[in-house]
C-alpha cells in the first residue's frame, strides 16, 4: 500500500532534515574546537580541571585522595613527555626560545598572579575558586623561580642558563627526596563543606623512618568562613589550638564545666582529649584559620572525631545503638529520637546567624593574665601579647614554653610564631632536645639544613658514608644538605640537633607557626652572629679545633653585627633596613 504525504508534511520533513544536518555539523565543529582547545591546555591547566572533576565526583575522603593521586600521576607523565618533546625540538636546549617562556619574561610574575586571582574571583565559586587560586599560586611560584634563575644566576652577567637549569633540576630532585618537607598537597581533606574544611597532614613516619620519634603527633589546619559554626564533637587525642588568622570563640566541656574563650591571631588553647569542643568564626569578613597539634591517646599516630550530633552528614554515633538502648537511656520514644539524631545534613562546618554568633561570643570569657597567674591557669595564651624571645629589625620570634605555662606541660610542647622580614634570614642554629613542626602561614622563602642521617644512609650505597682510613685516622662524619622552597600551606620538620637556617624571599615577609616536641628545658644555640655559642668556647680550644690562629677565628665569628635575625644572601652592604611586625600576620 502506497503512503501518501501532504505538501505540509513534506515541508516539515525537509525542515527537520536540514535542522539535523546543521546540528551534526555544529557538533562536529564544536568537537573539533574542543579537541584543539584541549591540545592547547598546559599540564597545569589539565591538573586543575582534573582536581575540579574529583571534587564533583567525591563520595568520601578516600575516593577524593585516590582521584587526586591519579591526577598527579597523569600530570607527571604529561610533564615528562613535554620535557622529552622539548629536548627533541631544541636539541637539548630546554626550550628557552619558546613563545610561552618569552611571554613570561616580558610580564612580571606578580602582575600575572594578580590577574589570575582576579579571574578566579569573577569566574569561579566555592571549591572551584579554591582550586583556581591554588593554580595561580603554582604558576606564580614557577615563574618566580624562572626569573630568579635568569636574573640571579650568581655571575656578573646573570649566570649561565644551562647551569641555572641544572641547579633547578637538582633542587627539585632534592626537594622530592627530602623526608623533612611536606608541601601543601600532603594535607588531606578530612572534612569539607561550602563553609570551610579541616585538613590533616599525613603521618610523619609514613614519609620516613627518620621521623618515628614524632609518630604519635599529627598536624591539622582548620579553615572556616565568616559567621560559621563547627559542630560539637570529641576527639581521642590531646590537642593544642593556635589561631593563625581571624578571630573566633572556642568552647569545650571538661570536668563538667564549660570553658569558652574569645581568641584572635596568636591565641593558644589546650583542649583535653575526650572533651566536647565546638567553635565559631565571629568575624563578618575574615576567615578563621587554626593550626592544631594532636597527640592521639589510643593508636599511635591515628585519631578520630566522634559526633553525637548529626544525621546524614555527619553521622551521629547515637545511630549505632539499638532503639531499645536509646529509649531506655533517654526515656523517650524512638520516633522523637530519630528526629533528634537525623536532622543534620550540611556537614561539620555550617552557617550560623549573626544573632547566634553574637550569643555564643557574648557568653565567652577571656581576660589576659600576667605570667604569674598563667603559671597556675588552664586558660588561653595570648602569644603576641608577650615580649618576643628574639627580636630586631630583621625578624621576631615568639614562643610559649612549658617551662612557663602549665597548660603546655602535660604534652611537653611549646608553641611558636616567627616573622622573618623580606630578604632577611634566621642565623644558623640548632635546638638542643626539641623537634620542631613548622607550618608556613604567609610569604615565601627557603631553608637549608645539615643532616647526618641521610648522608649515612646514602653511604650504604656509595662512598660518602663509609669510614675513611688515612693511616690510623678513622672518620665517620658526613652531612647532607637538606633544603626546600617554602610557600603558604607547606610544612617542615626540624629534628633536634640539626643545624638549620631559614631565609625569606626578597618580596615578602616569611611568617611561620609551629610546635616544639619535648620542649621542656630546650636550648636554642645560634652558630653565627653576635650571640653565637662559639663565643663561650675558649680561644685555645677554637685554635686547636679549627687549626687556624685564635685571632682569625675570633675575627670571623665576631664580624656579624646582628644576632638571631640578619640580612640574607645578597643583602650585605646594601644598607637596607626593614621594619616589620608579627602583628602583620594575615590569612592565606
Protein backbone atom coordinates (compact mmCIF):
# COMPACT_ATOMS: atom_id res chain seq x y z
CA UNK A 1 0.00 0.00 0.00
CA UNK A 2 1.48 3.32 -1.02
CA UNK A 3 1.98 6.00 1.60
CA UNK A 4 0.94 9.49 0.58
CA UNK A 5 2.45 12.64 2.10
CA UNK A 6 0.77 16.01 2.06
CA UNK A 7 2.66 19.10 0.96
CA UNK A 8 2.70 20.36 4.57
CA UNK A 9 4.16 17.06 5.84
CA UNK A 10 6.89 17.12 3.18
CA UNK A 11 7.80 20.67 4.16
CA UNK A 12 8.06 19.73 7.81
CA UNK A 13 10.18 16.68 6.93
CA UNK A 14 12.56 18.83 4.86
CA UNK A 15 12.94 21.36 7.70
CA UNK A 16 13.67 18.51 10.11
CA UNK A 17 16.38 17.06 7.82
CA UNK A 18 18.06 20.46 7.40
CA UNK A 19 17.97 21.09 11.18
CA UNK A 20 19.54 17.72 11.96
CA UNK A 21 22.26 18.37 9.37
CA UNK A 22 23.09 21.74 10.90
CA UNK A 23 23.21 20.23 14.41
CA UNK A 24 25.52 17.47 13.20
CA UNK A 25 27.90 19.94 11.54
CA UNK A 26 27.79 22.18 14.62
CA UNK A 27 28.53 19.20 16.87
CA UNK A 28 31.49 18.19 14.71
CA UNK A 29 32.82 21.75 14.70
CA UNK A 30 32.35 22.00 18.46
CA UNK A 31 34.10 18.67 18.97
CA UNK A 32 36.97 19.77 16.75
CA UNK A 33 37.16 23.08 18.63
CA UNK A 34 37.24 21.28 21.97
CA UNK A 35 39.95 18.95 20.72
CA UNK A 36 42.02 21.93 19.57
CA UNK A 37 41.36 23.68 22.86
CA UNK A 38 42.44 20.62 24.82
CA UNK A 39 45.59 20.40 22.74
CA UNK A 40 46.46 23.96 23.80
CA UNK A 41 45.96 23.29 27.52
CA UNK A 42 49.06 23.25 29.70
CA UNK A 43 49.76 20.37 32.04
CA UNK A 44 48.94 22.66 34.98
CA UNK A 45 45.53 23.56 33.47
CA UNK A 46 44.72 19.89 32.92
CA UNK A 47 45.74 19.14 36.52
CA UNK A 48 43.46 21.91 37.79
CA UNK A 49 40.48 20.64 35.77
CA UNK A 50 41.16 17.10 36.96
CA UNK A 51 41.04 18.28 40.59
CA UNK A 52 37.74 20.05 39.97
CA UNK A 53 36.30 16.87 38.45
CA UNK A 54 37.48 14.93 41.53
CA UNK A 55 35.66 17.35 43.84
CA UNK A 56 32.40 16.95 41.87
CA UNK A 57 32.55 13.15 41.91
CA UNK A 58 33.62 12.92 45.54
CA UNK A 59 31.76 10.38 47.63
CA UNK A 60 34.17 10.15 50.54
CA UNK A 61 37.64 11.37 51.51
CA UNK A 62 39.42 8.20 50.35
CA UNK A 63 37.92 8.42 46.86
CA UNK A 64 38.98 12.06 46.64
CA UNK A 65 42.54 11.13 47.59
CA UNK A 66 42.72 8.33 45.02
CA UNK A 67 41.26 10.59 42.34
CA UNK A 68 43.75 13.37 43.10
CA UNK A 69 46.60 10.87 43.05
CA UNK A 70 45.54 9.81 39.54
CA UNK A 71 45.50 13.49 38.54
CA UNK A 72 49.04 14.00 39.84
CA UNK A 73 50.27 10.84 38.12
CA UNK A 74 48.82 11.99 34.80
CA UNK A 75 50.36 15.44 35.35
CA UNK A 76 53.80 13.91 35.97
CA UNK A 77 53.54 11.77 32.83
CA UNK A 78 52.49 14.80 30.76
CA UNK A 79 55.39 16.89 32.09
CA UNK A 80 57.79 14.06 31.32
CA UNK A 81 56.50 13.83 27.74
CA UNK A 82 56.71 17.61 27.36
CA UNK A 83 60.32 17.54 28.55
CA UNK A 84 61.23 14.81 26.08
CA UNK A 85 59.47 16.63 23.21
CA UNK A 86 61.17 19.91 24.14
CA UNK A 87 64.52 18.16 24.22
CA UNK A 88 63.96 16.76 20.72
CA UNK A 89 62.82 20.12 19.30
CA UNK A 90 65.65 22.14 20.74
CA UNK A 91 68.44 19.60 20.63
CA UNK A 92 68.72 19.50 24.42
CA UNK A 93 68.40 23.28 24.80
CA UNK A 94 65.44 23.03 27.19
CA UNK A 95 63.04 25.27 25.26
CA UNK A 96 64.35 28.68 26.30
CA UNK A 97 63.20 30.13 22.99
CA UNK A 98 59.54 29.18 23.20
CA UNK A 99 56.85 31.85 22.89
CA UNK A 100 55.45 30.89 26.28
CA UNK A 101 58.77 31.49 28.05
CA UNK A 102 59.30 34.82 26.26
CA UNK A 103 55.81 35.90 27.28
CA UNK A 104 56.56 35.07 30.89
CA UNK A 105 59.81 37.02 30.77
CA UNK A 106 58.02 40.09 29.43
CA UNK A 107 55.23 40.04 32.03
CA UNK A 108 56.22 40.20 35.77
CA UNK A 109 55.18 37.25 37.93
CA UNK A 110 53.38 39.46 40.47
CA UNK A 111 51.25 41.06 37.73
CA UNK A 112 50.27 37.70 36.24
CA UNK A 113 49.45 36.38 39.73
CA UNK A 114 47.18 39.36 40.47
CA UNK A 115 45.38 38.96 37.14
CA UNK A 116 44.95 35.22 37.71
CA UNK A 117 43.47 35.74 41.20
CA UNK A 118 41.10 38.37 39.80
CA UNK A 119 39.84 35.91 37.15
CA UNK A 120 39.26 33.28 39.84
CA UNK A 121 37.15 35.71 41.86
CA UNK A 122 34.99 36.63 38.88
CA UNK A 123 34.58 33.26 37.16
CA UNK A 124 34.67 30.61 39.88
CA UNK A 125 32.77 29.82 43.08
CA UNK A 126 33.25 27.62 46.12
CA UNK A 127 35.64 24.71 45.71
CA UNK A 128 36.43 25.57 42.10
CA UNK A 129 37.59 29.02 43.21
CA UNK A 130 39.97 27.42 45.73
CA UNK A 131 41.45 25.15 43.07
CA UNK A 132 41.72 28.14 40.72
CA UNK A 133 43.58 30.17 43.34
CA UNK A 134 45.90 27.23 44.04
CA UNK A 135 46.65 27.02 40.32
CA UNK A 136 47.55 30.75 40.34
CA UNK A 137 49.93 30.10 43.23
CA UNK A 138 51.63 27.24 41.34
CA UNK A 139 52.09 29.39 38.24
CA UNK A 140 53.38 32.32 40.31
CA UNK A 141 55.97 30.22 42.13
CA UNK A 142 57.10 28.58 38.90
CA UNK A 143 57.58 31.93 37.15
CA UNK A 144 59.38 33.39 40.18
CA UNK A 145 61.86 30.51 40.09
CA UNK A 146 62.43 31.12 36.38
CA UNK A 147 63.02 34.84 36.97
CA UNK A 148 65.44 34.16 39.83
CA UNK A 149 67.39 31.71 37.67
CA UNK A 150 67.59 34.22 34.79
CA UNK A 151 68.48 37.31 36.84
CA UNK A 152 70.28 35.98 39.90
CA UNK A 153 72.42 33.23 38.42
CA UNK A 154 75.40 34.12 40.61
CA UNK A 155 77.67 35.72 37.95
CA UNK A 156 78.01 39.30 36.83
CA UNK A 157 76.19 38.57 33.62
CA UNK A 158 73.20 36.91 35.25
CA UNK A 159 74.62 33.39 35.21
CA UNK A 160 74.77 30.57 32.71
CA UNK A 161 71.19 29.49 31.79
CA UNK A 162 72.38 25.91 31.39
CA UNK A 163 73.86 25.88 34.89
CA UNK A 164 70.73 27.53 36.26
CA UNK A 165 68.61 24.76 34.71
CA UNK A 166 70.86 22.09 36.18
CA UNK A 167 70.68 23.71 39.61
CA UNK A 168 66.88 23.95 39.34
CA UNK A 169 66.55 20.26 38.42
CA UNK A 170 68.92 19.29 41.23
CA UNK A 171 66.91 21.41 43.65
CA UNK A 172 63.62 19.82 42.58
CA UNK A 173 65.14 16.34 42.88
CA UNK A 174 66.48 17.12 46.34
CA UNK A 175 63.13 18.53 47.44
CA UNK A 176 61.32 15.37 46.32
CA UNK A 177 63.79 13.23 48.31
CA UNK A 178 63.56 15.46 51.39
CA UNK A 179 61.89 13.48 54.21
CA UNK A 180 61.56 16.59 56.37
CA UNK A 181 59.49 18.68 53.93
CA UNK A 182 55.74 18.38 53.26
CA UNK A 183 54.20 20.59 50.59
CA UNK A 184 50.62 21.82 50.93
CA UNK A 185 49.29 18.94 48.79
CA UNK A 186 50.28 16.47 51.53
CA UNK A 187 47.42 17.80 53.70
CA UNK A 188 44.36 15.63 53.04
CA UNK A 189 40.82 17.00 53.41
CA UNK A 190 39.17 15.18 56.30
CA UNK A 191 36.02 17.31 56.36
CA UNK A 192 34.85 19.76 53.71
CA UNK A 193 31.69 21.82 53.27
CA UNK A 194 30.79 25.03 51.46
CA UNK A 195 31.65 26.89 54.68
CA UNK A 196 35.15 25.53 55.25
CA UNK A 197 37.32 22.47 55.69
CA UNK A 198 39.67 20.61 58.02
CA UNK A 199 42.87 19.17 56.54
CA UNK A 200 45.20 16.65 58.15
CA UNK A 201 48.87 16.18 57.32
CA UNK A 202 49.83 12.58 56.59
CA UNK A 203 51.55 10.62 59.38
CA UNK A 204 55.19 11.66 59.75
CA UNK A 205 56.51 8.10 59.92
CA UNK A 206 54.83 7.38 56.57
CA UNK A 207 57.30 9.75 54.95
CA UNK A 208 60.46 8.34 56.54
CA UNK A 209 61.68 6.07 59.33
CA UNK A 210 63.76 9.04 60.48
CA UNK A 211 60.53 10.60 61.81
CA UNK A 212 59.44 7.70 64.01
CA UNK A 213 60.23 9.80 67.08
CA UNK A 214 57.25 12.06 66.28
CA UNK A 215 54.98 9.29 65.01
CA UNK A 216 52.39 10.00 67.70
CA UNK A 217 51.87 13.63 66.65
CA UNK A 218 49.70 14.99 63.85
CA UNK A 219 49.27 18.43 62.28
CA UNK A 220 45.90 19.76 61.12
CA UNK A 221 44.60 23.07 59.75
CA UNK A 222 41.02 24.31 60.13
CA UNK A 223 39.60 26.97 57.83
CA UNK A 224 36.13 28.40 58.44
CA UNK A 225 34.24 31.10 56.55
CA UNK A 226 32.86 34.21 58.33
CA UNK A 227 29.88 33.63 60.66
CA UNK A 228 30.17 29.84 60.77
CA UNK A 229 29.86 27.15 63.42
CA UNK A 230 31.88 23.93 63.83
CA UNK A 231 29.64 21.19 65.26
CA UNK A 232 30.31 19.84 68.79
CA UNK A 233 32.45 16.69 68.91
CA UNK A 234 35.10 14.98 70.98
CA UNK A 235 38.39 13.50 69.87
CA UNK A 236 40.61 10.68 71.13
CA UNK A 237 43.65 12.98 71.10
CA UNK A 238 45.10 15.75 73.21
CA UNK A 239 45.07 18.99 71.20
CA UNK A 240 46.72 22.39 71.15
CA UNK A 241 44.98 25.06 69.06
CA UNK A 242 46.90 28.03 67.62
CA UNK A 243 44.91 30.77 65.85
CA UNK A 244 46.96 31.96 62.86
CA UNK A 245 44.32 34.14 61.19
CA UNK A 246 40.97 35.73 62.05
CA UNK A 247 39.15 35.54 65.37
CA UNK A 248 36.67 33.18 66.93
CA UNK A 249 35.23 31.60 70.05
CA UNK A 250 36.38 28.16 71.17
CA UNK A 251 34.30 26.32 73.77
CA UNK A 252 34.87 22.94 75.38
CA UNK A 253 33.28 20.96 78.21
CA UNK A 254 35.73 19.36 80.62
CA UNK A 255 35.21 18.03 84.16
CA UNK A 256 31.52 19.01 83.96
CA UNK A 257 32.38 22.64 83.21
CA UNK A 258 32.09 24.63 80.02
CA UNK A 259 35.07 26.82 79.24
CA UNK A 260 34.67 29.40 76.47
CA UNK A 261 37.28 31.83 75.18
CA UNK A 262 37.46 34.53 72.53
CA UNK A 263 40.71 34.12 70.61
CA UNK A 264 42.43 36.11 67.86
CA UNK A 265 45.68 35.65 65.91
CA UNK A 266 48.34 34.36 68.26
CA UNK A 267 45.82 32.81 70.66
CA UNK A 268 46.80 29.39 72.05
CA UNK A 269 44.48 26.93 73.81
CA UNK A 270 44.93 23.40 75.16
CA UNK A 271 41.89 21.15 74.60
CA UNK A 272 41.94 17.91 76.67
CA UNK A 273 41.26 14.57 74.98
CA UNK A 274 37.62 13.49 75.22
CA UNK A 275 36.23 16.97 75.95
CA UNK A 276 33.33 18.12 73.79
CA UNK A 277 34.57 21.06 71.72
CA UNK A 278 32.82 23.46 69.34
CA UNK A 279 33.76 26.83 67.90
CA UNK A 280 32.54 29.80 65.88
CA UNK A 281 34.07 32.30 63.47
CA UNK A 282 32.82 35.60 64.88
CA UNK A 283 34.04 37.84 62.09
CA UNK A 284 31.77 39.19 59.35
CA UNK A 285 34.53 39.35 56.72
CA UNK A 286 37.66 37.36 57.60
CA UNK A 287 38.12 33.61 57.56
CA UNK A 288 39.27 31.82 60.69
CA UNK A 289 42.45 29.71 60.49
CA UNK A 290 43.51 27.41 63.32
CA UNK A 291 46.64 25.26 63.31
CA UNK A 292 46.24 22.18 65.51
CA UNK A 293 48.72 19.79 67.07
CA UNK A 294 47.18 16.45 68.07
CA UNK A 295 48.60 13.65 70.20
CA UNK A 296 46.41 10.50 69.90
CA UNK A 297 45.67 8.58 73.10
CA UNK A 298 44.55 5.25 71.58
CA UNK A 299 46.52 4.20 68.50
CA UNK A 300 49.88 5.95 67.91
CA UNK A 301 49.57 8.41 65.05
CA UNK A 302 45.86 7.76 64.49
CA UNK A 303 42.85 9.59 65.91
CA UNK A 304 39.14 10.02 65.25
CA UNK A 305 36.46 12.63 65.90
CA UNK A 306 33.17 11.49 67.45
CA UNK A 307 29.96 13.39 66.66
CA UNK A 308 26.91 12.90 68.87
CA UNK A 309 25.01 15.45 66.82
CA UNK A 310 24.37 14.63 63.21
CA UNK A 311 22.20 12.66 60.85
CA UNK A 312 23.02 12.23 57.20
CA UNK A 313 26.21 14.36 57.41
CA UNK A 314 27.94 13.89 59.78
CA UNK A 315 26.69 10.56 61.04
CA UNK A 316 25.81 10.51 64.75
CA UNK A 317 27.36 7.78 66.87
CA UNK A 318 23.98 7.52 68.63
CA UNK A 319 22.62 5.89 65.47
CA UNK A 320 24.72 2.77 66.11
CA UNK A 321 22.81 1.92 69.29
CA UNK A 322 19.58 -0.09 69.18
CA UNK A 323 16.23 1.62 69.69
CA UNK A 324 15.79 -0.26 72.96
CA UNK A 325 19.05 1.11 74.38
CA UNK A 326 18.30 4.68 73.27
CA UNK A 327 14.69 4.64 74.54
CA UNK A 328 15.87 3.40 77.94
CA UNK A 329 18.80 5.85 78.10
CA UNK A 330 16.76 8.95 77.18
CA UNK A 331 13.37 7.78 78.48
CA UNK A 332 11.97 8.96 75.17
CA UNK A 333 10.12 7.27 72.30
CA UNK A 334 12.25 6.21 69.34
CA UNK A 335 10.31 8.43 66.88
CA UNK A 336 11.42 11.57 68.70
CA UNK A 337 14.99 10.25 69.00
CA UNK A 338 15.17 9.50 65.28
CA UNK A 339 14.13 13.08 64.57
CA UNK A 340 16.74 14.44 67.01
CA UNK A 341 19.62 12.39 65.62
CA UNK A 342 18.64 12.51 61.95
CA UNK A 343 18.26 16.20 61.01
CA UNK A 344 21.79 17.41 60.30
CA UNK A 345 22.88 17.06 56.69
CA UNK A 346 25.06 20.11 55.96
CA UNK A 347 28.34 18.76 57.28
CA UNK A 348 30.74 19.56 60.09
CA UNK A 349 31.09 23.32 59.37
CA UNK A 350 27.81 25.17 58.85
CA UNK A 351 26.50 28.73 58.52
CA UNK A 352 25.13 30.45 61.63
CA UNK A 353 23.05 33.60 62.01
CA UNK A 354 24.64 36.75 63.40
CA UNK A 355 22.31 36.54 66.40
CA UNK A 356 23.51 33.01 67.18
CA UNK A 357 27.17 34.02 66.73
CA UNK A 358 26.65 37.05 68.96
CA UNK A 359 25.04 34.95 71.70
CA UNK A 360 27.83 32.38 71.65
CA UNK A 361 30.59 35.01 71.74
CA UNK A 362 28.93 37.07 74.49
CA UNK A 363 28.86 34.07 76.78
CA UNK A 364 32.60 33.51 76.40
CA UNK A 365 35.30 34.66 78.77
CA UNK A 366 38.76 35.98 78.06
CA UNK A 367 40.92 38.23 80.20
CA UNK A 368 44.65 38.49 79.61
CA UNK A 369 46.59 37.49 82.69
CA UNK A 370 50.10 38.17 83.82
CA UNK A 371 52.75 35.49 83.68
CA UNK A 372 52.39 34.57 87.39
CA UNK A 373 48.66 33.86 87.01
CA UNK A 374 49.33 31.89 83.84
CA UNK A 375 51.62 29.60 85.80
CA UNK A 376 48.55 28.08 87.50
CA UNK A 377 45.99 28.76 84.75
CA UNK A 378 44.48 26.38 82.20
CA UNK A 379 43.12 29.23 80.09
CA UNK A 380 44.33 30.60 76.76
CA UNK A 381 47.69 32.18 76.00
CA UNK A 382 47.91 35.41 74.03
CA UNK A 383 51.27 34.75 72.40
CA UNK A 384 51.52 38.07 70.55
CA UNK A 385 50.90 39.95 73.80
CA UNK A 386 54.15 38.56 75.16
CA UNK A 387 57.60 40.00 74.66
CA UNK A 388 59.40 38.25 71.77
CA UNK A 389 62.18 35.89 72.80
CA UNK A 390 64.37 37.26 69.99
CA UNK A 391 63.74 40.43 68.03
CA UNK A 392 65.40 43.04 65.82
CA UNK A 393 64.55 44.85 62.60
CA UNK A 394 65.11 41.65 60.61
CA UNK A 395 62.61 39.46 62.44
CA UNK A 396 60.77 38.42 65.61
CA UNK A 397 60.48 35.11 67.42
CA UNK A 398 57.67 34.38 69.92
CA UNK A 399 57.44 31.18 71.94
CA UNK A 400 55.19 29.88 74.71
CA UNK A 401 57.18 27.27 76.62
CA UNK A 402 56.01 24.54 79.04
CA UNK A 403 58.59 25.96 81.43
CA UNK A 404 56.27 28.96 81.92
CA UNK A 405 52.78 27.69 81.02
CA UNK A 406 51.13 24.90 82.96
CA UNK A 407 48.65 24.14 80.19
CA UNK A 408 51.54 23.05 77.93
CA UNK A 409 53.35 20.84 80.46
CA UNK A 410 51.03 17.87 80.10
CA UNK A 411 52.03 17.45 76.44
CA UNK A 412 55.53 18.89 76.94
CA UNK A 413 55.13 21.08 73.85
CA UNK A 414 55.89 24.70 73.04
CA UNK A 415 54.06 26.97 70.60
CA UNK A 416 55.93 29.37 68.34
CA UNK A 417 55.41 32.21 65.89
CA UNK A 418 58.22 33.54 63.68
CA UNK A 419 58.32 36.52 61.36
CA UNK A 420 61.35 36.91 59.05
CA UNK A 421 61.32 40.22 57.17
CA UNK A 422 61.73 40.11 53.41
CA UNK A 423 65.28 39.48 52.28
CA UNK A 424 66.39 38.56 55.81
CA UNK A 425 67.33 35.22 57.36
CA UNK A 426 67.43 33.34 60.64
CA UNK A 427 71.05 32.82 61.68
CA UNK A 428 72.12 29.15 61.58
CA UNK A 429 71.11 27.45 64.85
CA UNK A 430 70.01 24.14 66.35
CA UNK A 431 67.72 23.02 69.17
CA UNK A 432 69.26 21.00 71.98
CA UNK A 433 66.45 18.45 72.51
CA UNK A 434 63.23 19.67 70.87
CA UNK A 435 61.99 18.66 67.42
CA UNK A 436 60.04 21.45 65.69
CA UNK A 437 56.96 21.04 63.45
CA UNK A 438 56.66 24.22 61.38
CA UNK A 439 53.84 25.49 59.14
CA UNK A 440 54.11 28.35 56.61
CA UNK A 441 51.38 30.91 57.35
CA UNK A 442 52.42 33.66 54.96
CA UNK A 443 55.03 34.70 52.42
CA UNK A 444 57.70 32.52 50.85
CA UNK A 445 61.36 31.58 51.23
CA UNK A 446 63.51 28.51 51.72
CA UNK A 447 65.52 26.63 54.33
CA UNK A 448 68.81 24.75 54.37
CA UNK A 449 69.61 22.11 56.98
CA UNK A 450 72.52 19.76 57.70
CA UNK A 451 71.52 16.11 58.20
CA UNK A 452 73.96 13.31 59.12
CA UNK A 453 71.33 10.55 58.84
CA UNK A 454 70.68 10.99 55.13
CA UNK A 455 74.41 11.14 54.42
CA UNK A 456 74.98 7.86 56.26
CA UNK A 457 72.01 6.24 54.50
CA UNK A 458 73.42 7.35 51.17
CA UNK A 459 76.79 5.96 52.15
CA UNK A 460 75.41 2.44 52.35
CA UNK A 461 75.10 2.52 48.57
CA UNK A 462 78.07 4.73 47.78
CA UNK A 463 81.34 6.03 49.07
CA UNK A 464 80.14 9.03 51.06
CA UNK A 465 79.08 7.43 54.30
CA UNK A 466 81.90 4.93 54.68
CA UNK A 467 84.64 5.15 57.26
CA UNK A 468 87.78 6.51 55.68
CA UNK A 469 91.16 5.29 56.86
CA UNK A 470 94.15 7.55 56.49
CA UNK A 471 96.92 5.81 58.33
CA UNK A 472 95.48 5.47 61.82
CA UNK A 473 92.81 8.20 61.33
CA UNK A 474 89.22 6.96 61.05
CA UNK A 475 86.35 9.34 60.35
CA UNK A 476 82.64 8.65 60.04
CA UNK A 477 81.39 12.23 59.88
CA UNK A 478 79.37 13.21 56.82
CA UNK A 479 76.44 15.57 56.29
CA UNK A 480 73.91 16.04 53.53
CA UNK A 481 72.29 19.38 52.77
CA UNK A 482 68.51 19.23 53.06
CA UNK A 483 66.67 22.17 51.52
CA UNK A 484 63.27 23.16 50.20
CA UNK A 485 61.46 26.21 48.88
CA UNK A 486 58.65 27.32 51.17
CA UNK A 487 55.24 28.74 50.29
CA UNK A 488 51.93 29.16 52.10
CA UNK A 489 50.49 25.88 53.37
CA UNK A 490 53.78 23.95 53.38
CA UNK A 491 55.16 22.25 56.49
CA UNK A 492 58.59 21.03 57.53
CA UNK A 493 60.27 19.25 60.43
CA UNK A 494 63.44 20.39 62.21
CA UNK A 495 64.85 17.48 64.27
CA UNK A 496 66.78 18.20 67.45
CA UNK A 497 70.48 18.85 66.93
CA UNK A 498 70.16 19.60 63.19
CA UNK A 499 71.73 22.96 62.21
CA UNK A 500 69.30 24.99 60.08
CA UNK A 501 68.93 28.45 58.54
CA UNK A 502 65.70 29.92 57.16
CA UNK A 503 65.60 32.68 54.53
CA UNK A 504 62.70 34.93 53.49
CA UNK A 505 62.17 35.82 49.83
CA UNK A 506 63.03 39.29 48.51
CA UNK A 507 59.40 40.34 48.01
CA UNK A 508 57.54 39.17 51.15
CA UNK A 509 57.94 38.50 54.85
CA UNK A 510 58.10 34.81 55.76
CA UNK A 511 55.62 34.03 58.55
CA UNK A 512 55.84 30.71 60.35
CA UNK A 513 53.85 28.99 63.09
CA UNK A 514 54.55 25.70 64.78
CA UNK A 515 55.06 23.46 67.77
CA UNK A 516 58.07 22.13 69.64
CA UNK A 517 58.02 18.47 70.79
CA UNK A 518 59.83 17.60 74.06
CA UNK A 519 60.20 21.30 74.65
CA UNK A 520 60.93 21.47 78.40
CA UNK A 521 64.37 22.97 79.06
CA UNK A 522 65.20 23.06 75.35
CA UNK A 523 68.00 25.43 74.39
CA UNK A 524 68.35 27.21 71.07
CA UNK A 525 72.04 27.51 70.15
CA UNK A 526 72.97 30.02 67.45
CA UNK A 527 76.01 29.20 65.32
CA UNK A 528 76.61 32.68 63.86
CA UNK A 529 76.00 36.29 64.87
CA UNK A 530 76.92 38.29 67.97
CA UNK A 531 75.22 35.79 70.32
CA UNK A 532 76.68 32.64 68.75
CA UNK A 533 77.64 29.76 71.00
CA UNK A 534 81.28 29.78 69.88
CA UNK A 535 81.84 32.95 71.89
CA UNK A 536 81.75 30.80 75.04
CA UNK A 537 84.40 28.36 73.80
CA UNK A 538 87.96 29.04 74.93
CA UNK A 539 90.31 30.57 72.37
CA UNK A 540 92.79 27.71 72.72
CA UNK A 541 90.04 25.16 72.07
CA UNK A 542 88.95 27.00 68.91
CA UNK A 543 92.52 27.30 67.69
CA UNK A 544 93.11 23.57 68.14
CA UNK A 545 89.75 22.64 66.63
CA UNK A 546 89.88 24.85 63.52
CA UNK A 547 93.67 24.68 63.04
CA UNK A 548 93.60 28.44 62.48
CA UNK A 549 95.10 31.10 64.78
CA UNK A 550 92.65 32.09 67.52
CA UNK A 551 92.75 35.73 66.37
CA UNK A 552 91.39 34.77 62.93
CA UNK A 553 88.69 32.59 64.44
CA UNK A 554 87.57 35.40 66.74
CA UNK A 555 87.59 37.91 63.90
CA UNK A 556 85.32 35.76 61.72
CA UNK A 557 82.86 34.82 64.44
CA UNK A 558 82.53 38.44 65.61
CA UNK A 559 82.30 40.10 62.20
CA UNK A 560 78.50 39.76 62.04
CA UNK A 561 76.97 42.71 63.92
CA UNK A 562 73.46 41.23 64.16
CA UNK A 563 72.11 38.45 66.38
CA UNK A 564 69.37 35.85 65.73
CA UNK A 565 67.97 37.57 62.58
CA UNK A 566 70.21 39.22 59.99
CA UNK A 567 70.38 40.33 56.32
CA UNK A 568 70.03 37.36 54.00
CA UNK A 569 72.07 36.35 50.95
CA UNK A 570 72.64 39.27 48.59
CA UNK A 571 71.70 41.90 51.20
CA UNK A 572 75.20 42.62 52.56
CA UNK A 573 76.38 46.18 52.04
CA UNK A 574 73.07 47.46 50.67
CA UNK A 575 72.26 49.27 53.87
CA UNK A 576 68.63 48.20 53.74
CA UNK A 577 66.65 48.50 56.96
CA UNK A 578 63.47 46.51 57.41
CA UNK A 579 60.59 47.46 59.66
CA UNK A 580 58.22 44.57 60.28
CA UNK A 581 55.90 43.29 62.97
CA UNK A 582 54.45 39.90 63.80
CA UNK A 583 51.11 41.72 64.03
CA UNK A 584 51.13 41.79 60.22
CA UNK A 585 50.08 38.11 60.25
CA UNK A 586 47.37 37.57 57.63
CA UNK A 587 45.20 34.66 56.47
CA UNK A 588 46.28 32.69 53.41
